[in-house]
C-alpha atoms as a PDB file:
ATOM      1  CA  MET A   1       0.000   0.000   0.000  1.00  0.00           C
ATOM      2  CA  SER A   2       1.502   3.302  -1.082  1.00  0.00           C
ATOM      3  CA  ARG A   3       1.826   6.127   1.375  1.00  0.00           C
ATOM      4  CA  THR A   4      -0.028   9.289   0.470  1.00  0.00           C
ATOM      5  CA  ARG A   5       2.357  12.184   0.265  1.00  0.00           C
ATOM      6  CA  THR A   6      -0.235  14.916   0.058  1.00  0.00           C
ATOM      7  CA  ARG A   7      -1.437  16.280   3.352  1.00  0.00           C
ATOM      8  CA  GLN A   8      -4.726  18.062   3.856  1.00  0.00           C
ATOM      9  CA  ARG A   9      -4.166  21.797   3.935  1.00  0.00           C
ATOM     10  CA  ARG A  10      -5.599  23.783   6.809  1.00  0.00           C
ATOM     11  CA  PRO A  11      -7.624  26.696   5.420  1.00  0.00           C
ATOM     12  CA  VAL A  12      -7.579  30.278   6.654  1.00  0.00           C
ATOM     13  CA  ILE A  13     -10.398  30.693   9.190  1.00  0.00           C
ATOM     14  CA  LEU A  14     -11.305  34.202  10.288  1.00  0.00           C
ATOM     15  CA  LEU A  15     -13.349  35.224  13.313  1.00  0.00           C
ATOM     16  CA  ARG A  16     -14.012  31.674  14.471  1.00  0.00           C
ATOM     17  CA  PRO A  17     -13.374  31.375  18.224  1.00  0.00           C
ATOM     18  CA  VAL A  18     -11.660  28.371  19.725  1.00  0.00           C
ATOM     19  CA  PRO A  19     -14.082  26.766  22.217  1.00  0.00           C
ATOM     20  CA  ARG A  20     -12.274  27.072  25.511  1.00  0.00           C
ATOM     21  CA  GLU A  21     -13.062  28.222  29.036  1.00  0.00           C
ATOM     22  CA  THR A  22      -9.992  30.270  29.810  1.00  0.00           C
ATOM     23  CA  PRO A  23      -9.441  33.628  31.544  1.00  0.00           C
ATOM     24  CA  LEU A  24      -8.676  35.271  28.192  1.00  0.00           C
ATOM     25  CA  HIS A  25     -11.927  33.993  26.698  1.00  0.00           C
ATOM     26  CA  ARG A  26     -13.865  35.550  29.587  1.00  0.00           C
ATOM     27  CA  VAL A  27     -12.325  38.986  29.055  1.00  0.00           C
ATOM     28  CA  TRP A  28     -14.763  41.519  27.609  1.00  0.00           C
ATOM     29  CA  ALA A  29     -14.510  41.851  23.832  1.00  0.00           C
ATOM     30  CA  GLY A  30     -14.050  45.617  24.015  1.00  0.00           C
ATOM     31  CA  THR A  31     -11.080  45.216  26.352  1.00  0.00           C
ATOM     32  CA  LYS A  32      -9.386  42.854  23.923  1.00  0.00           C
ATOM     33  CA  VAL A  33     -10.054  45.091  20.925  1.00  0.00           C
ATOM     34  CA  LEU A  34      -8.759  48.217  22.662  1.00  0.00           C
ATOM     35  CA  SER A  35      -5.746  46.373  24.056  1.00  0.00           C
ATOM     36  CA  ALA A  36      -4.852  44.975  20.638  1.00  0.00           C
ATOM     37  CA  ALA A  37      -5.226  48.430  19.074  1.00  0.00           C
ATOM     38  CA  ALA A  38      -3.039  50.092  21.718  1.00  0.00           C
ATOM     39  CA  LEU A  39      -0.347  47.438  21.439  1.00  0.00           C
ATOM     40  CA  SER A  40      -0.403  47.627  17.634  1.00  0.00           C
ATOM     41  CA  VAL A  41      -0.005  51.397  17.622  1.00  0.00           C
ATOM     42  CA  ALA A  42       2.800  51.319  20.204  1.00  0.00           C
ATOM     43  CA  VAL A  43       4.870  48.685  18.441  1.00  0.00           C
ATOM     44  CA  SER A  44       4.219  50.199  14.995  1.00  0.00           C
ATOM     45  CA  PHE A  45       5.639  53.569  16.024  1.00  0.00           C
ATOM     46  CA  ALA A  46       8.627  51.895  17.731  1.00  0.00           C
ATOM     47  CA  PRO A  47       9.411  48.719  15.727  1.00  0.00           C
ATOM     48  CA  SER A  48      12.714  48.099  17.497  1.00  0.00           C
ATOM     49  CA  TRP A  49      14.034  44.759  18.652  1.00  0.00           C
ATOM     50  CA  THR A  50      12.897  45.617  22.162  1.00  0.00           C
ATOM     51  CA  GLY A  51       9.369  46.374  20.999  1.00  0.00           C
ATOM     52  CA  LEU A  52       9.208  43.226  18.889  1.00  0.00           C
ATOM     53  CA  GLY A  53      10.485  41.148  21.794  1.00  0.00           C
ATOM     54  CA  ILE A  54       7.835  42.570  24.135  1.00  0.00           C
ATOM     55  CA  LEU A  55       5.147  41.943  21.527  1.00  0.00           C
ATOM     56  CA  LEU A  56       6.366  38.355  21.151  1.00  0.00           C
ATOM     57  CA  ALA A  57       6.284  37.866  24.925  1.00  0.00           C
ATOM     58  CA  VAL A  58       2.717  39.187  25.164  1.00  0.00           C
ATOM     59  CA  LEU A  59       1.604  36.937  22.298  1.00  0.00           C
ATOM     60  CA  VAL A  60       3.226  33.860  23.826  1.00  0.00           C
ATOM     61  CA  VAL A  61       1.553  34.535  27.161  1.00  0.00           C
ATOM     62  CA  GLY A  62      -1.803  35.128  25.469  1.00  0.00           C
ATOM     63  CA  VAL A  63      -1.587  31.924  23.414  1.00  0.00           C
ATOM     64  CA  LEU A  64      -0.620  29.882  26.469  1.00  0.00           C
ATOM     65  CA  VAL A  65      -3.347  31.383  28.656  1.00  0.00           C
ATOM     66  CA  ALA A  66      -5.987  30.878  25.957  1.00  0.00           C
ATOM     67  CA  ARG A  67      -4.698  27.343  25.203  1.00  0.00           C
ATOM     68  CA  ILE A  68      -4.774  27.882  21.456  1.00  0.00           C
ATOM     69  CA  PRO A  69      -4.104  24.587  19.635  1.00  0.00           C
ATOM     70  CA  ARG A  70      -1.671  24.332  16.748  1.00  0.00           C
ATOM     71  CA  GLY A  71      -4.423  23.164  14.396  1.00  0.00           C
ATOM     72  CA  VAL A  72      -5.909  26.665  14.086  1.00  0.00           C
ATOM     73  CA  VAL A  73      -2.819  27.906  12.241  1.00  0.00           C
ATOM     74  CA  PRO A  74      -3.492  27.711   8.479  1.00  0.00           C
ATOM     75  CA  THR A  75      -1.164  26.027   6.047  1.00  0.00           C
ATOM     76  CA  ILE A  76       1.128  28.617   4.475  1.00  0.00           C
ATOM     77  CA  PRO A  77       1.638  28.136   0.708  1.00  0.00           C
ATOM     78  CA  TRP A  78       5.152  27.635  -0.579  1.00  0.00           C
ATOM     79  CA  TRP A  79       5.058  30.742  -2.735  1.00  0.00           C
ATOM     80  CA  VAL A  80       4.802  32.938   0.391  1.00  0.00           C
ATOM     81  CA  PHE A  81       8.168  31.653   1.583  1.00  0.00           C
ATOM     82  CA  ALA A  82       9.535  32.089  -1.944  1.00  0.00           C
ATOM     83  CA  VAL A  83       8.494  35.757  -2.034  1.00  0.00           C
ATOM     84  CA  LEU A  84       9.967  36.352   1.408  1.00  0.00           C
ATOM     85  CA  ALA A  85      13.205  34.672   0.360  1.00  0.00           C
ATOM     86  CA  VAL A  86      13.476  36.864  -2.754  1.00  0.00           C
ATOM     87  CA  GLY A  87      12.874  39.973  -0.656  1.00  0.00           C
ATOM     88  CA  LEU A  88      15.472  38.781   1.834  1.00  0.00           C
ATOM     89  CA  VAL A  89      18.099  38.397  -0.880  1.00  0.00           C
ATOM     90  CA  LEU A  90      17.326  41.768  -2.441  1.00  0.00           C
ATOM     91  CA  ASN A  91      17.400  43.614   0.884  1.00  0.00           C
ATOM     92  CA  ALA A  92      20.598  41.847   1.921  1.00  0.00           C
ATOM     93  CA  ALA A  93      22.225  42.994  -1.314  1.00  0.00           C
ATOM     94  CA  GLY A  94      20.975  46.552  -0.792  1.00  0.00           C
ATOM     95  CA  GLY A  95      21.969  46.833   2.843  1.00  0.00           C
ATOM     96  CA  GLY A  96      18.461  46.871   4.325  1.00  0.00           C
ATOM     97  CA  LEU A  97      18.405  43.382   5.802  1.00  0.00           C
ATOM     98  CA  THR A  98      17.749  44.504   9.390  1.00  0.00           C
ATOM     99  CA  ALA A  99      14.824  46.756   8.472  1.00  0.00           C
ATOM    100  CA  TYR A 100      13.345  44.031   6.252  1.00  0.00           C
ATOM    101  CA  VAL A 101      13.487  41.390   8.985  1.00  0.00           C
ATOM    102  CA  ARG A 102      11.926  43.753  11.517  1.00  0.00           C
ATOM    103  CA  THR A 103       9.147  44.629   9.071  1.00  0.00           C
ATOM    104  CA  ILE A 104       8.365  40.956   8.481  1.00  0.00           C
ATOM    105  CA  LEU A 105       8.355  40.211  12.206  1.00  0.00           C
ATOM    106  CA  LEU A 106       6.121  43.224  12.848  1.00  0.00           C
ATOM    107  CA  GLY A 107       3.614  42.093  10.225  1.00  0.00           C
ATOM    108  CA  VAL A 108       3.542  38.540  11.547  1.00  0.00           C
ATOM    109  CA  GLY A 109       3.168  39.780  15.122  1.00  0.00           C
ATOM    110  CA  LEU A 110       0.245  42.059  14.285  1.00  0.00           C
ATOM    111  CA  LEU A 111      -1.407  39.259  12.316  1.00  0.00           C
ATOM    112  CA  VAL A 112      -1.088  36.863  15.255  1.00  0.00           C
ATOM    113  CA  LEU A 113      -2.378  39.569  17.612  1.00  0.00           C
ATOM    114  CA  ALA A 114      -5.513  40.094  15.507  1.00  0.00           C
ATOM    115  CA  SER A 115      -5.954  36.330  15.190  1.00  0.00           C
ATOM    116  CA  LEU A 116      -5.677  35.936  18.961  1.00  0.00           C
ATOM    117  CA  VAL A 117      -8.576  38.348  19.425  1.00  0.00           C
ATOM    118  CA  GLY A 118     -10.626  36.371  16.904  1.00  0.00           C
ATOM    119  CA  TRP A 119      -9.732  33.020  18.483  1.00  0.00           C
ATOM    120  CA  THR A 120     -10.900  34.147  21.922  1.00  0.00           C
ATOM    121  CA  THR A 121     -13.926  36.315  21.042  1.00  0.00           C
ATOM    122  CA  ARG A 122     -17.353  35.262  19.845  1.00  0.00           C
ATOM    123  CA  LEU A 123     -19.076  37.303  17.184  1.00  0.00           C
ATOM    124  CA  SER A 124     -22.037  37.965  19.455  1.00  0.00           C
ATOM    125  CA  ASP A 125     -19.753  39.407  22.133  1.00  0.00           C
ATOM    126  CA  LEU A 126     -18.019  41.583  19.576  1.00  0.00           C
ATOM    127  CA  VAL A 127     -21.363  42.879  18.287  1.00  0.00           C
ATOM    128  CA  ASP A 128     -22.477  43.717  21.834  1.00  0.00           C
ATOM    129  CA  ALA A 129     -19.238  45.638  22.428  1.00  0.00           C
ATOM    130  CA  LEU A 130     -19.632  47.880  19.384  1.00  0.00           C
ATOM    131  CA  PRO A 131     -22.101  50.389  20.943  1.00  0.00           C
ATOM    132  CA  VAL A 132     -19.764  50.897  23.901  1.00  0.00           C
ATOM    133  CA  LEU A 133     -16.685  51.270  21.710  1.00  0.00           C
ATOM    134  CA  PHE A 134     -18.385  53.778  19.403  1.00  0.00           C
ATOM    135  CA  ALA A 135     -20.038  55.731  22.232  1.00  0.00           C
ATOM    136  CA  PRO A 136     -17.376  58.522  22.374  1.00  0.00           C
ATOM    137  CA  LEU A 137     -18.138  59.371  18.736  1.00  0.00           C
ATOM    138  CA  ARG A 138     -21.610  60.527  19.784  1.00  0.00           C
ATOM    139  CA  LEU A 139     -19.982  63.683  21.141  1.00  0.00           C
ATOM    140  CA  LEU A 140     -19.041  64.584  17.566  1.00  0.00           C
ATOM    141  CA  ARG A 141     -22.672  64.110  16.452  1.00  0.00           C
ATOM    142  CA  LEU A 142     -21.745  61.233  14.169  1.00  0.00           C
ATOM    143  CA  PRO A 143     -24.302  58.581  13.098  1.00  0.00           C
ATOM    144  CA  VAL A 144     -23.081  56.022  15.602  1.00  0.00           C
ATOM    145  CA  ASP A 145     -26.297  53.989  15.660  1.00  0.00           C
ATOM    146  CA  GLU A 146     -26.231  53.513  11.879  1.00  0.00           C
ATOM    147  CA  TRP A 147     -22.549  52.513  11.966  1.00  0.00           C
ATOM    148  CA  VAL A 148     -23.164  50.044  14.761  1.00  0.00           C
ATOM    149  CA  THR A 149     -26.083  48.509  12.856  1.00  0.00           C
ATOM    150  CA  VAL A 150     -24.044  48.136   9.654  1.00  0.00           C
ATOM    151  CA  CYS A 151     -21.061  46.626  11.494  1.00  0.00           C
ATOM    152  CA  ALA A 152     -23.304  44.276  13.462  1.00  0.00           C
ATOM    153  CA  LEU A 153     -25.084  43.042  10.331  1.00  0.00           C
ATOM    154  CA  ALA A 154     -21.756  42.602   8.535  1.00  0.00           C
ATOM    155  CA  LEU A 155     -20.368  40.540  11.402  1.00  0.00           C
ATOM    156  CA  ARG A 156     -23.561  38.498  11.577  1.00  0.00           C
ATOM    157  CA  MET A 157     -23.339  37.717   7.866  1.00  0.00           C
ATOM    158  CA  LEU A 158     -19.697  36.605   7.929  1.00  0.00           C
ATOM    159  CA  PRO A 159     -20.505  32.992   8.947  1.00  0.00           C
ATOM    160  CA  THR A 160     -23.108  32.805   6.166  1.00  0.00           C
ATOM    161  CA  VAL A 161     -20.689  34.055   3.526  1.00  0.00           C
ATOM    162  CA  ARG A 162     -18.008  31.702   4.816  1.00  0.00           C
ATOM    163  CA  ALA A 163     -20.385  28.724   4.640  1.00  0.00           C
ATOM    164  CA  GLU A 164     -21.477  29.605   1.120  1.00  0.00           C
ATOM    165  CA  MET A 165     -17.868  29.882  -0.018  1.00  0.00           C
ATOM    166  CA  ARG A 166     -17.105  26.459   1.431  1.00  0.00           C
ATOM    167  CA  VAL A 167     -20.103  24.978  -0.409  1.00  0.00           C
ATOM    168  CA  LEU A 168     -19.013  26.660  -3.644  1.00  0.00           C
ATOM    169  CA  PHE A 169     -15.429  25.425  -3.393  1.00  0.00           C
ATOM    170  CA  ALA A 170     -16.625  21.912  -2.531  1.00  0.00           C
ATOM    171  CA  ALA A 171     -18.919  21.908  -5.580  1.00  0.00           C
ATOM    172  CA  ARG A 172     -16.089  23.047  -7.845  1.00  0.00           C
ATOM    173  CA  LYS A 173     -13.837  20.347  -6.419  1.00  0.00           C
ATOM    174  CA  VAL A 174     -16.436  17.642  -7.089  1.00  0.00           C
ATOM    175  CA  ARG A 175     -17.107  18.962 -10.580  1.00  0.00           C
ATOM    176  CA  GLY A 176     -13.419  19.046 -11.357  1.00  0.00           C
ATOM    177  CA  ARG A 177     -11.241  21.863 -12.542  1.00  0.00           C
ATOM    178  CA  PRO A 178     -11.790  22.691 -16.203  1.00  0.00           C
ATOM    179  CA  GLY A 179      -8.749  23.481 -18.258  1.00  0.00           C
ATOM    180  CA  ILE A 180      -8.074  27.220 -18.270  1.00  0.00           C
ATOM    181  CA  ARG A 181      -5.664  27.961 -21.098  1.00  0.00           C
ATOM    182  CA  ASN A 182      -5.267  31.724 -20.761  1.00  0.00           C
ATOM    183  CA  PRO A 183      -5.460  34.441 -18.054  1.00  0.00           C
ATOM    184  CA  ALA A 184      -8.793  35.664 -19.456  1.00  0.00           C
ATOM    185  CA  GLY A 185     -10.389  32.298 -18.715  1.00  0.00           C
ATOM    186  CA  TRP A 186      -8.931  32.290 -15.211  1.00  0.00           C
ATOM    187  CA  TRP A 187     -10.297  35.802 -14.593  1.00  0.00           C
ATOM    188  CA  GLN A 188     -13.732  34.716 -15.832  1.00  0.00           C
ATOM    189  CA  GLU A 189     -13.655  31.787 -13.412  1.00  0.00           C
ATOM    190  CA  VAL A 190     -12.925  34.161 -10.521  1.00  0.00           C
ATOM    191  CA  ILE A 191     -15.776  36.460 -11.569  1.00  0.00           C
ATOM    192  CA  ASP A 192     -18.204  33.537 -11.749  1.00  0.00           C
ATOM    193  CA  SER A 193     -17.207  32.329  -8.288  1.00  0.00           C
ATOM    194  CA  VAL A 194     -17.523  35.774  -6.726  1.00  0.00           C
ATOM    195  CA  GLY A 195     -20.857  36.333  -8.467  1.00  0.00           C
ATOM    196  CA  ALA A 196     -22.234  33.056  -7.118  1.00  0.00           C
ATOM    197  CA  VAL A 197     -21.199  33.922  -3.549  1.00  0.00           C
ATOM    198  CA  VAL A 198     -22.632  37.448  -3.813  1.00  0.00           C
ATOM    199  CA  SER A 199     -25.904  36.145  -5.269  1.00  0.00           C
ATOM    200  CA  VAL A 200     -26.454  33.677  -2.450  1.00  0.00           C
ATOM    201  CA  SER A 201     -25.352  36.216   0.156  1.00  0.00           C
ATOM    202  CA  MET A 202     -27.797  38.820  -1.173  1.00  0.00           C
ATOM    203  CA  ARG A 203     -30.609  36.319  -0.847  1.00  0.00           C
ATOM    204  CA  GLN A 204     -29.579  35.663   2.748  1.00  0.00           C
ATOM    205  CA  VAL A 205     -29.425  39.414   3.407  1.00  0.00           C
ATOM    206  CA  ARG A 206     -32.927  39.854   2.000  1.00  0.00           C
ATOM    207  CA  ASP A 207     -34.266  37.144   4.299  1.00  0.00           C
ATOM    208  CA  LEU A 208     -32.485  38.762   7.228  1.00  0.00           C
ATOM    209  CA  GLY A 209     -33.964  42.157   6.321  1.00  0.00           C
ATOM    210  CA  ASP A 210     -37.467  40.666   6.161  1.00  0.00           C
ATOM    211  CA  ALA A 211     -36.941  39.094   9.586  1.00  0.00           C
ATOM    212  CA  LEU A 212     -35.802  42.425  11.011  1.00  0.00           C
ATOM    213  CA  SER A 213     -38.808  44.179   9.491  1.00  0.00           C
ATOM    214  CA  VAL A 214     -41.200  41.675  11.042  1.00  0.00           C
ATOM    215  CA  ARG A 215     -39.435  41.992  14.365  1.00  0.00           C
ATOM    216  CA  GLY A 216     -39.688  45.769  14.343  1.00  0.00           C
ATOM    217  CA  SER A 217     -37.354  48.429  15.630  1.00  0.00           C
ATOM    218  CA  ARG A 218     -37.287  47.261  19.212  1.00  0.00           C
ATOM    219  CA  SER A 219     -33.772  47.349  20.589  1.00  0.00           C
ATOM    220  CA  ALA A 220     -32.470  44.115  21.959  1.00  0.00           C
ATOM    221  CA  THR A 221     -31.682  44.059  25.632  1.00  0.00           C
ATOM    222  CA  ARG A 222     -27.990  43.647  26.259  1.00  0.00           C
ATOM    223  CA  PRO A 223     -26.456  42.388  29.472  1.00  0.00           C
ATOM    224  CA  PRO A 224     -24.892  45.097  31.627  1.00  0.00           C
ATOM    225  CA  LEU A 225     -21.197  45.705  31.187  1.00  0.00           C
ATOM    226  CA  ARG A 226     -19.249  44.069  34.000  1.00  0.00           C
ATOM    227  CA  LEU A 227     -15.483  44.252  34.003  1.00  0.00           C
ATOM    228  CA  ARG A 228     -13.811  41.321  35.731  1.00  0.00           C
ATOM    229  CA  LEU A 229     -10.386  40.638  37.126  1.00  0.00           C
ATOM    230  CA  GLY A 230      -9.220  39.385  33.739  1.00  0.00           C
ATOM    231  CA  ASP A 231     -10.031  42.756  32.180  1.00  0.00           C
ATOM    232  CA  VAL A 232      -7.982  44.580  34.804  1.00  0.00           C
ATOM    233  CA  VAL A 233      -5.032  42.210  34.368  1.00  0.00           C
ATOM    234  CA  THR A 234      -5.206  42.537  30.573  1.00  0.00           C
ATOM    235  CA  VAL A 235      -5.241  46.335  30.750  1.00  0.00           C
ATOM    236  CA  LEU A 236      -2.325  46.404  33.194  1.00  0.00           C
ATOM    237  CA  VAL A 237      -0.231  44.008  31.104  1.00  0.00           C
ATOM    238  CA  VAL A 238      -0.882  45.879  27.865  1.00  0.00           C
ATOM    239  CA  GLU A 239      -0.325  49.252  29.512  1.00  0.00           C
ATOM    240  CA  GLY A 240       2.982  48.078  30.938  1.00  0.00           C
ATOM    241  CA  ALA A 241       4.048  46.649  27.586  1.00  0.00           C
ATOM    242  CA  CYS A 242       3.149  49.856  25.745  1.00  0.00           C
ATOM    243  CA  THR A 243       5.013  51.944  28.325  1.00  0.00           C
ATOM    244  CA  VAL A 244       8.158  49.871  28.012  1.00  0.00           C
ATOM    245  CA  ILE A 245       7.967  49.931  24.201  1.00  0.00           C
ATOM    246  CA  THR A 246       7.512  53.722  24.184  1.00  0.00           C
ATOM    247  CA  VAL A 247      10.212  54.514  26.741  1.00  0.00           C
ATOM    248  CA  TRP A 248      12.906  51.946  25.933  1.00  0.00           C
ATOM    249  CA  GLY A 249      11.874  51.042  22.409  1.00  0.00           C
END
């Protein structure tokens, strides 16, 4: 019996929380979003080795506390490493190797930081945190309620769009890949796939709009905001990290 050499690739999964009962999962969604934003801004303005090391330490602690399994990391295509290798050679020849490596590490760190928020936050919790996060904008007389509604509906529709894309890709895999001989045919295939996903998504949006119209304009009751010990610890850790990055970075 021959051994199969092809392994199943892990797809990129966005905004799908890892089911765990950890202190980081119980932290309020707004605290995690604000902490990630503050840490991203601090390390972006001071992308030194000290700042990158502190960011790495915070990410390692967060992954260990949240008990994130290795299976959630998607399979990285080979061409990504090829592009990075070409950039590494070119920057090494031009004398910008250090800046290039720090830029790559910064991008990877920010990507893992955003993924950590998605792995530990449910969409419903994130939707409930939006009115509180956008509340200061009311002082500027901005349409906060409309923005919150649009963002909430967009987040609610993400699982539907993701499911429809999985069904579409599975159908194309069963049907088989037709031979595409030129770039124009490949572009037409992409347009057909996107059009199919948009068509199904629009039908789902119409059904959701009808359901909201039947329900009426009554605002849903949200649970009161209660900050726990995990929120305080998260704020203190992120504040300390940002201070160290700003002062010694």
